[in-house]
């Protein structure tokens, strides 16, 4: 079912002027004053956005520093593991060589 406008319905036209702020009665503002207010408003919005960007950049830098320190820590752990593993293999070879004389002949 589709809506069909009837002639007695008020047809409202919408556009940007519908949403533009209207000055109060008896209040005449010059275009310079309105431009200054708009510039101030844009400045406030831009300032808030820049503050948020700075905050996010700071958080990202902290995260990068944490990631770098964790990468260094994990690298040290891996190096320690490799050294321990190599030492274990060498110890097993030495033990194996020393146990050969005690093996039973098959």
Protein backbone atom coordinates (compact mmCIF):
# COMPACT_ATOMS: atom_id res chain seq x y z
CA UNK A 1 0.00 0.00 0.00
CA UNK A 2 1.53 3.32 -0.99
CA UNK A 3 0.79 6.69 0.49
CA UNK A 4 -0.75 9.18 -1.90
CA UNK A 5 -0.67 12.82 -0.82
CA UNK A 6 -4.10 14.36 -0.62
CA UNK A 7 -4.71 17.97 -1.61
CA UNK A 8 -5.68 18.94 1.93
CA UNK A 9 -2.31 17.75 3.34
CA UNK A 10 0.22 20.46 3.88
CA UNK A 11 3.24 19.81 1.67
CA UNK A 12 6.33 20.74 3.58
CA UNK A 13 9.42 21.54 1.59
CA UNK A 14 12.66 20.84 3.37
CA UNK A 15 16.06 22.26 2.76
CA UNK A 16 19.07 23.66 4.58
CA UNK A 17 17.19 26.80 5.57
CA UNK A 18 14.85 24.65 7.64
CA UNK A 19 17.73 23.63 9.91
CA UNK A 20 19.63 26.94 9.99
CA UNK A 21 19.47 28.76 13.33
CA UNK A 22 17.15 31.74 13.22
CA UNK A 23 18.10 34.93 15.07
CA UNK A 24 15.86 36.04 17.93
CA UNK A 25 13.30 38.77 17.29
CA UNK A 26 14.83 42.22 16.92
CA UNK A 27 18.32 40.80 16.71
CA UNK A 28 20.21 41.88 13.60
CA UNK A 29 23.69 40.45 13.32
CA UNK A 30 26.17 41.56 10.77
CA UNK A 31 27.75 38.99 8.53
CA UNK A 32 31.15 39.74 10.13
CA UNK A 33 29.81 38.86 13.57
CA UNK A 34 28.31 35.62 12.28
CA UNK A 35 31.55 34.78 10.50
CA UNK A 36 33.49 35.38 13.73
CA UNK A 37 31.13 33.14 15.71
CA UNK A 38 31.35 30.42 13.06
CA UNK A 39 35.16 30.69 13.04
CA UNK A 40 35.19 30.39 16.84
CA UNK A 41 32.90 27.35 16.69
CA UNK A 42 35.04 25.69 14.02
CA UNK A 43 38.13 26.49 16.10
CA UNK A 44 36.60 24.82 19.16
CA UNK A 45 35.64 21.73 17.21
CA UNK A 46 39.02 21.54 15.49
CA UNK A 47 40.81 22.06 18.80
CA UNK A 48 38.87 19.23 20.42
CA UNK A 49 39.62 16.96 17.48
CA UNK A 50 43.31 17.83 17.59
CA UNK A 51 43.39 17.13 21.33
CA UNK A 52 41.84 13.71 20.71
CA UNK A 53 44.36 13.01 17.94
CA UNK A 54 47.22 13.98 20.26
CA UNK A 55 45.82 11.70 22.96
CA UNK A 56 45.55 8.75 20.56
CA UNK A 57 49.07 9.43 19.24
CA UNK A 58 50.37 9.39 22.83
CA UNK A 59 48.63 6.11 23.56
CA UNK A 60 50.03 4.60 20.37
CA UNK A 61 53.53 5.71 21.32
CA UNK A 62 53.17 4.09 24.75
CA UNK A 63 51.93 0.90 23.10
CA UNK A 64 54.88 0.96 20.68
CA UNK A 65 57.31 1.27 23.62
CA UNK A 66 55.63 -1.65 25.41
CA UNK A 67 55.78 -3.75 22.24
CA UNK A 68 59.49 -2.96 21.76
CA UNK A 69 60.35 -3.89 25.33
CA UNK A 70 58.32 -7.10 25.06
CA UNK A 71 60.06 -7.97 21.77
CA UNK A 72 63.44 -7.50 23.47
CA UNK A 73 62.34 -9.64 26.43
CA UNK A 74 61.07 -12.43 24.17
CA UNK A 75 64.30 -12.23 22.14
CA UNK A 76 66.33 -12.69 25.33
CA UNK A 77 64.18 -15.67 26.35
CA UNK A 78 64.65 -17.29 22.95
CA UNK A 79 68.42 -16.79 23.10
CA UNK A 80 68.50 -18.33 26.57
CA UNK A 81 66.41 -21.26 25.36
CA UNK A 82 68.71 -21.84 22.36
CA UNK A 83 71.78 -21.80 24.61
CA UNK A 84 70.13 -24.18 27.08
CA UNK A 85 69.02 -26.48 24.26
CA UNK A 86 72.53 -26.56 22.76
CA UNK A 87 74.02 -27.26 26.19
CA UNK A 88 71.53 -30.09 26.70
CA UNK A 89 72.40 -31.66 23.34
CA UNK A 90 76.13 -31.44 24.14
CA UNK A 91 75.57 -32.99 27.58
CA UNK A 92 73.53 -35.83 26.06
CA UNK A 93 76.33 -36.56 23.55
CA UNK A 94 78.93 -36.64 26.30
CA UNK A 95 76.77 -38.93 28.43
CA UNK A 96 76.11 -41.20 25.45
CA UNK A 97 79.81 -41.45 24.60
CA UNK A 98 80.66 -42.25 28.22
CA UNK A 99 78.00 -44.95 28.45
CA UNK A 100 79.11 -46.81 25.28
CA UNK A 101 81.67 -48.98 27.09
CA UNK A 102 78.95 -50.19 29.48
CA UNK A 103 76.55 -51.30 26.77
CA UNK A 104 75.76 -55.01 26.54
CA UNK A 105 76.56 -56.66 23.27
CA UNK A 106 73.49 -57.66 21.39
